[in-house]
PDB file of N, CA and C in Angstrom:
ATOM      1  N   UNK A   1     -66.867   9.414  99.416  1.00  0.00           N
ATOM      2  CA  UNK A   1     -67.019   9.726  97.733  1.00  0.00           C
ATOM      3  C   UNK A   1     -66.536  11.075  97.181  1.00  0.00           C
ATOM      4  N   UNK A   2     -65.909  10.075  96.286  1.00  0.00           N
ATOM      5  CA  UNK A   2     -64.973  11.795  94.779  1.00  0.00           C
ATOM      6  C   UNK A   2     -65.353  12.008  93.487  1.00  0.00           C
ATOM      7  N   UNK A   3     -65.848  13.091  92.495  1.00  0.00           N
ATOM      8  CA  UNK A   3     -66.508  12.717  91.312  1.00  0.00           C
ATOM      9  C   UNK A   3     -65.951  12.195  90.498  1.00  0.00           C
ATOM     10  N   UNK A   4     -66.375  11.570  89.791  1.00  0.00           N
ATOM     11  CA  UNK A   4     -65.581  10.341  88.651  1.00  0.00           C
ATOM     12  C   UNK A   4     -65.387  11.249  87.764  1.00  0.00           C
ATOM     13  N   UNK A   5     -65.484  11.905  87.279  1.00  0.00           N
ATOM     14  CA  UNK A   5     -64.649  13.257  85.864  1.00  0.00           C
ATOM     15  C   UNK A   5     -63.741  14.461  86.359  1.00  0.00           C
ATOM     16  N   UNK A   6     -63.877  15.086  88.108  1.00  0.00           N
ATOM     17  CA  UNK A   6     -62.473  15.457  88.107  1.00  0.00           C
ATOM     18  C   UNK A   6     -62.415  15.255  89.462  1.00  0.00           C
ATOM     19  N   UNK A   7     -62.721  13.903  91.009  1.00  0.00           N
ATOM     20  CA  UNK A   7     -61.722  13.503  91.716  1.00  0.00           C
ATOM     21  C   UNK A   7     -61.580  14.333  93.463  1.00  0.00           C
ATOM     22  N   UNK A   8     -62.569  15.818  92.485  1.00  0.00           N
ATOM     23  CA  UNK A   8     -63.253  16.098  94.058  1.00  0.00           C
ATOM     24  C   UNK A   8     -63.758  15.408  94.927  1.00  0.00           C
ATOM     25  N   UNK A   9     -63.355  16.198  96.636  1.00  0.00           N
ATOM     26  CA  UNK A   9     -65.002  15.271  96.942  1.00  0.00           C
ATOM     27  C   UNK A   9     -66.088  15.654  96.826  1.00  0.00           C
ATOM     28  N   UNK A  10     -66.715  15.055  97.778  1.00  0.00           N
ATOM     29  CA  UNK A  10     -68.600  15.280  97.006  1.00  0.00           C
ATOM     30  C   UNK A  10     -69.563  15.360  98.804  1.00  0.00           C
ATOM     31  N   UNK A  11     -69.907  15.925  98.101  1.00  0.00           N
ATOM     32  CA  UNK A  11     -70.610  16.069 100.654  1.00  0.00           C
ATOM     33  C   UNK A  11     -71.675  14.529 100.568  1.00  0.00           C
ATOM     34  N   UNK A  12     -72.365  14.720 101.664  1.00  0.00           N
ATOM     35  CA  UNK A  12     -73.254  13.668 101.553  1.00  0.00           C
ATOM     36  C   UNK A  12     -74.072  13.198  99.998  1.00  0.00           C
ATOM     37  N   UNK A  13     -74.449  13.500  99.577  1.00  0.00           N
ATOM     38  CA  UNK A  13     -75.176  13.454  98.726  1.00  0.00           C
ATOM     39  C   UNK A  13     -74.494  13.902  97.327  1.00  0.00           C
ATOM     40  N   UNK A  14     -74.454  13.445  96.073  1.00  0.00           N
ATOM     41  CA  UNK A  14     -73.861  13.805  95.317  1.00  0.00           C
ATOM     42  C   UNK A  14     -74.995  14.433  94.071  1.00  0.00           C
ATOM     43  N   UNK A  15     -74.926  15.384  93.114  1.00  0.00           N
ATOM     44  CA  UNK A  15     -75.753  15.988  92.147  1.00  0.00           C
ATOM     45  C   UNK A  15     -76.702  15.209  91.321  1.00  0.00           C
ATOM     46  N   UNK A  16     -75.219  13.971  90.922  1.00  0.00           N
ATOM     47  CA  UNK A  16     -76.251  12.914  89.469  1.00  0.00           C
ATOM     48  C   UNK A  16     -74.855  11.692  90.477  1.00  0.00           C
ATOM     49  N   UNK A  17     -76.093  11.246  90.120  1.00  0.00           N
ATOM     50  CA  UNK A  17     -75.262   9.427  89.952  1.00  0.00           C
ATOM     51  C   UNK A  17     -76.281   8.450  88.230  1.00  0.00           C
ATOM     52  N   UNK A  18     -74.564   8.472  87.665  1.00  0.00           N
ATOM     53  CA  UNK A  18     -75.143   7.521  86.924  1.00  0.00           C
ATOM     54  C   UNK A  18     -74.473   6.292  87.375  1.00  0.00           C
ATOM     55  N   UNK A  19     -75.682   4.846  86.426  1.00  0.00           N
ATOM     56  CA  UNK A  19     -75.369   3.649  87.261  1.00  0.00           C
ATOM     57  C   UNK A  19     -74.301   3.243  85.415  1.00  0.00           C
ATOM     58  N   UNK A  20     -73.299   2.353  85.082  1.00  0.00           N
ATOM     59  CA  UNK A  20     -72.701   1.876  84.536  1.00  0.00           C
ATOM     60  C   UNK A  20     -72.007   0.758  85.193  1.00  0.00           C
ATOM     61  N   UNK A  21     -71.543   0.192  83.681  1.00  0.00           N
ATOM     62  CA  UNK A  21     -71.319  -1.345  84.251  1.00  0.00           C
ATOM     63  C   UNK A  21     -70.060  -1.756  85.653  1.00  0.00           C
ATOM     64  N   UNK A  22     -69.666  -0.823  86.084  1.00  0.00           N
ATOM     65  CA  UNK A  22     -68.740  -1.149  87.532  1.00  0.00           C
ATOM     66  C   UNK A  22     -69.916  -0.834  88.369  1.00  0.00           C
ATOM     67  N   UNK A  23     -70.572   0.218  88.079  1.00  0.00           N
ATOM     68  CA  UNK A  23     -71.444   0.429  89.424  1.00  0.00           C
ATOM     69  C   UNK A  23     -72.114   1.479  89.540  1.00  0.00           C
ATOM     70  N   UNK A  24     -72.593   2.229  90.504  1.00  0.00           N
ATOM     71  CA  UNK A  24     -73.006   4.037  90.563  1.00  0.00           C
ATOM     72  C   UNK A  24     -71.676   4.486  90.059  1.00  0.00           C
ATOM     73  N   UNK A  25     -71.877   5.679  89.661  1.00  0.00           N
ATOM     74  CA  UNK A  25     -70.749   7.093  89.027  1.00  0.00           C
ATOM     75  C   UNK A  25     -71.183   8.313  89.952  1.00  0.00           C
ATOM     76  N   UNK A  26     -70.901   8.838  90.839  1.00  0.00           N
ATOM     77  CA  UNK A  26     -71.294  10.235  91.295  1.00  0.00           C
ATOM     78  C   UNK A  26     -70.864  11.135  90.510  1.00  0.00           C
ATOM     79  N   UNK A  27     -71.460  12.245  90.336  1.00  0.00           N
ATOM     80  CA  UNK A  27     -70.797  13.018  89.592  1.00  0.00           C
ATOM     81  C   UNK A  27     -71.065  14.132  90.107  1.00  0.00           C
ATOM     82  N   UNK A  28     -70.299  14.542  90.458  1.00  0.00           N
ATOM     83  CA  UNK A  28     -70.505  16.666  91.485  1.00  0.00           C
ATOM     84  C   UNK A  28     -71.142  17.751  90.747  1.00  0.00           C
ATOM     85  N   UNK A  29     -71.484  19.015  91.553  1.00  0.00           N
ATOM     86  CA  UNK A  29     -72.759  19.630  90.644  1.00  0.00           C
ATOM     87  C   UNK A  29     -72.254  20.132  89.533  1.00  0.00           C
ATOM     88  N   UNK A  30     -71.369  20.609  89.506  1.00  0.00           N
ATOM     89  CA  UNK A  30     -70.244  21.618  88.913  1.00  0.00           C
ATOM     90  C   UNK A  30     -69.713  20.493  86.980  1.00  0.00           C
ATOM     91  N   UNK A  31     -69.654  19.502  87.712  1.00  0.00           N
ATOM     92  CA  UNK A  31     -69.629  18.224  86.299  1.00  0.00           C
ATOM     93  C   UNK A  31     -70.503  17.396  85.573  1.00  0.00           C
ATOM     94  N   UNK A  32     -71.532  17.370  86.564  1.00  0.00           N
ATOM     95  CA  UNK A  32     -73.050  17.346  85.885  1.00  0.00           C
ATOM     96  C   UNK A  32     -73.734  18.259  85.628  1.00  0.00           C
ATOM     97  N   UNK A  33     -73.698  19.100  85.381  1.00  0.00           N
ATOM     98  CA  UNK A  33     -73.891  20.461  84.364  1.00  0.00           C
ATOM     99  C   UNK A  33     -73.812  20.164  83.013  1.00  0.00           C
ATOM    100  N   UNK A  34     -72.162  20.420  83.289  1.00  0.00           N
ATOM    101  CA  UNK A  34     -71.540  20.255  82.116  1.00  0.00           C
ATOM    102  C   UNK A  34     -71.766  19.492  81.174  1.00  0.00           C
ATOM    103  N   UNK A  35     -72.027  18.087  81.956  1.00  0.00           N
ATOM    104  CA  UNK A  35     -72.505  16.964  80.604  1.00  0.00           C
ATOM    105  C   UNK A  35     -73.317  16.841  80.658  1.00  0.00           C
ATOM    106  N   UNK A  36     -74.784  17.771  81.077  1.00  0.00           N
ATOM    107  CA  UNK A  36     -75.706  17.759  80.856  1.00  0.00           C
ATOM    108  C   UNK A  36     -76.684  16.771  81.687  1.00  0.00           C
ATOM    109  N   UNK A  37     -75.978  15.981  82.097  1.00  0.00           N
ATOM    110  CA  UNK A  37     -77.283  15.490  83.283  1.00  0.00           C
ATOM    111  C   UNK A  37     -78.044  15.939  84.573  1.00  0.00           C
ATOM    112  N   UNK A  38     -77.801  17.472  84.780  1.00  0.00           N
ATOM    113  CA  UNK A  38     -78.854  17.903  85.445  1.00  0.00           C
ATOM    114  C   UNK A  38     -78.476  19.486  84.415  1.00  0.00           C
ATOM    115  N   UNK A  39     -79.821  19.729  84.649  1.00  0.00           N
ATOM    116  CA  UNK A  39     -80.549  21.467  84.037  1.00  0.00           C
ATOM    117  C   UNK A  39     -79.249  22.701  84.738  1.00  0.00           C
ATOM    118  N   UNK A  40     -78.212  23.332  84.723  1.00  0.00           N
ATOM    119  CA  UNK A  40     -78.194  24.264  84.796  1.00  0.00           C
ATOM    120  C   UNK A  40     -79.858  25.153  86.154  1.00  0.00           C
ATOM    121  N   UNK A  41     -79.420  26.088  87.013  1.00  0.00           N
ATOM    122  CA  UNK A  41     -80.753  27.022  87.333  1.00  0.00           C
ATOM    123  C   UNK A  41     -80.641  28.160  86.800  1.00  0.00           C
ATOM    124  N   UNK A  42     -82.018  28.801  86.692  1.00  0.00           N
ATOM    125  CA  UNK A  42     -81.678  29.928  85.720  1.00  0.00           C
ATOM    126  C   UNK A  42     -81.627  30.935  86.491  1.00  0.00           C
ATOM    127  N   UNK A  43     -80.850  31.969  85.947  1.00  0.00           N
ATOM    128  CA  UNK A  43     -80.256  32.520  86.703  1.00  0.00           C
ATOM    129  C   UNK A  43     -80.648  34.106  86.466  1.00  0.00           C
ATOM    130  N   UNK A  44     -80.307  34.928  87.829  1.00  0.00           N
ATOM    131  CA  UNK A  44     -81.354  36.168  88.343  1.00  0.00           C
ATOM    132  C   UNK A  44     -80.810  37.117  87.474  1.00  0.00           C
ATOM    133  N   UNK A  45     -81.405  37.647  86.232  1.00  0.00           N
ATOM    134  CA  UNK A  45     -80.590  39.012  86.108  1.00  0.00           C
ATOM    135  C   UNK A  45     -80.270  40.404  86.868  1.00  0.00           C
ATOM    136  N   UNK A  46     -79.753  41.324  87.225  1.00  0.00           N
ATOM    137  CA  UNK A  46     -80.187  42.710  87.724  1.00  0.00           C
ATOM    138  C   UNK A  46     -81.089  43.630  87.236  1.00  0.00           C
ATOM    139  N   UNK A  47     -81.493  43.946  87.781  1.00  0.00           N
ATOM    140  CA  UNK A  47     -82.624  44.852  87.444  1.00  0.00           C
ATOM    141  C   UNK A  47     -81.697  45.915  86.225  1.00  0.00           C
ATOM    142  N   UNK A  48     -82.610  46.164  85.749  1.00  0.00           N
ATOM    143  CA  UNK A  48     -81.433  47.580  84.591  1.00  0.00           C
ATOM    144  C   UNK A  48     -82.175  48.936  84.537  1.00  0.00           C
ATOM    145  N   UNK A  49     -80.646  49.883  85.095  1.00  0.00           N
ATOM    146  CA  UNK A  49     -81.004  50.800  85.500  1.00  0.00           C
ATOM    147  C   UNK A  49     -81.611  51.843  84.118  1.00  0.00           C
ATOM    148  N   UNK A  50     -82.171  52.715  84.658  1.00  0.00           N
ATOM    149  CA  UNK A  50     -82.472  53.324  83.483  1.00  0.00           C
ATOM    150  C   UNK A  50     -82.006  54.619  84.282  1.00  0.00           C
ATOM    151  N   UNK A  51     -81.242  55.605  82.988  1.00  0.00           N
ATOM    152  CA  UNK A  51     -80.632  56.209  83.097  1.00  0.00           C
ATOM    153  C   UNK A  51     -81.801  57.830  82.698  1.00  0.00           C
ATOM    154  N   UNK A  52     -82.118  58.998  83.347  1.00  0.00           N
ATOM    155  CA  UNK A  52     -82.184  59.772  82.583  1.00  0.00           C
ATOM    156  C   UNK A  52     -81.984  61.177  82.309  1.00  0.00           C
ATOM    157  N   UNK A  53     -81.562  62.064  81.167  1.00  0.00           N
ATOM    158  CA  UNK A  53     -79.856  63.051  81.838  1.00  0.00           C
ATOM    159  C   UNK A  53     -81.366  64.530  81.781  1.00  0.00           C
ATOM    160  N   UNK A  54     -81.794  65.389  83.160  1.00  0.00           N
ATOM    161  CA  UNK A  54     -82.853  66.202  83.020  1.00  0.00           C
ATOM    162  C   UNK A  54     -81.494  67.211  83.763  1.00  0.00           C
ATOM    163  N   UNK A  55     -82.297  68.885  82.582  1.00  0.00           N
ATOM    164  CA  UNK A  55     -81.763  69.560  83.544  1.00  0.00           C
ATOM    165  C   UNK A  55     -82.428  70.352  85.081  1.00  0.00           C
ATOM    166  N   UNK A  56     -82.064  70.037  86.436  1.00  0.00           N
ATOM    167  CA  UNK A  56     -82.086  70.937  87.613  1.00  0.00           C
ATOM    168  C   UNK A  56     -83.229  72.114  87.992  1.00  0.00           C
ATOM    169  N   UNK A  57     -84.437  72.276  88.079  1.00  0.00           N
ATOM    170  CA  UNK A  57     -85.343  73.434  87.837  1.00  0.00           C
ATOM    171  C   UNK A  57     -84.753  74.353  88.361  1.00  0.00           C
ATOM    172  N   UNK A  58     -84.247  75.751  87.298  1.00  0.00           N
ATOM    173  CA  UNK A  58     -83.781  76.749  87.962  1.00  0.00           C
ATOM    174  C   UNK A  58     -84.761  77.794  88.650  1.00  0.00           C
ATOM    175  N   UNK A  59     -84.771  78.292  89.060  1.00  0.00           N
ATOM    176  CA  UNK A  59     -86.041  79.664  90.223  1.00  0.00           C
ATOM    177  C   UNK A  59     -85.410  80.635  90.272  1.00  0.00           C
ATOM    178  N   UNK A  60     -86.086  81.626  90.306  1.00  0.00           N
ATOM    179  CA  UNK A  60     -86.081  83.367  90.417  1.00  0.00           C
ATOM    180  C   UNK A  60     -84.459  83.558  90.998  1.00  0.00           C
ATOM    181  N   UNK A  61     -84.521  82.768  92.109  1.00  0.00           N
ATOM    182  CA  UNK A  61     -83.540  82.878  93.535  1.00  0.00           C
ATOM    183  C   UNK A  61     -82.001  82.763  93.502  1.00  0.00           C
ATOM    184  N   UNK A  62     -82.301  81.806  91.949  1.00  0.00           N
ATOM    185  CA  UNK A  62     -80.154  81.277  91.560  1.00  0.00           C
ATOM    186  C   UNK A  62     -80.193  81.739  90.056  1.00  0.00           C
ATOM    187  N   UNK A  63     -79.153  82.801  90.642  1.00  0.00           N
ATOM    188  CA  UNK A  63     -78.019  82.975  89.621  1.00  0.00           C
ATOM    189  C   UNK A  63     -77.949  82.129  88.003  1.00  0.00           C
ATOM    190  N   UNK A  64     -77.944  82.673  87.425  1.00  0.00           N
ATOM    191  CA  UNK A  64     -77.320  81.915  86.135  1.00  0.00           C
ATOM    192  C   UNK A  64     -75.342  82.045  86.480  1.00  0.00           C
ATOM    193  N   UNK A  65     -74.548  81.158  85.679  1.00  0.00           N
ATOM    194  CA  UNK A  65     -73.399  81.002  85.644  1.00  0.00           C
ATOM    195  C   UNK A  65     -72.392  81.833  85.585  1.00  0.00           C
ATOM    196  N   UNK A  66     -73.073  82.702  84.354  1.00  0.00           N
ATOM    197  CA  UNK A  66     -72.727  83.422  83.275  1.00  0.00           C
ATOM    198  C   UNK A  66     -72.749  84.765  84.380  1.00  0.00           C
ATOM    199  N   UNK A  67     -73.773  85.454  85.361  1.00  0.00           N
ATOM    200  CA  UNK A  67     -73.640  86.614  86.092  1.00  0.00           C
ATOM    201  C   UNK A  67     -73.389  86.115  87.576  1.00  0.00           C
ATOM    202  N   UNK A  68     -72.698  84.984  88.105  1.00  0.00           N
ATOM    203  CA  UNK A  68     -71.901  85.197  89.062  1.00  0.00           C
ATOM    204  C   UNK A  68     -71.217  85.595  89.202  1.00  0.00           C
ATOM    205  N   UNK A  69     -70.148  85.815  90.344  1.00  0.00           N
ATOM    206  CA  UNK A  69     -68.234  86.362  90.279  1.00  0.00           C
ATOM    207  C   UNK A  69     -67.951  87.731  89.945  1.00  0.00           C
TER     208      UNK A  69
END
């Protein structure tokens, strides 16, 4: 079975079928979503990274860079 819109071969079960005067027409998943026959799955969004700018703690064991060398 092939998609009516793009002609790609479909698996055993098409994403959507539409009854027409000529009979059933099968639609693939991408073409069916674009035509509005099936609802698109909501995508999971990536976790937003939090960036903080903080200076590392200085201890008394460390020399400041201006006094090093």
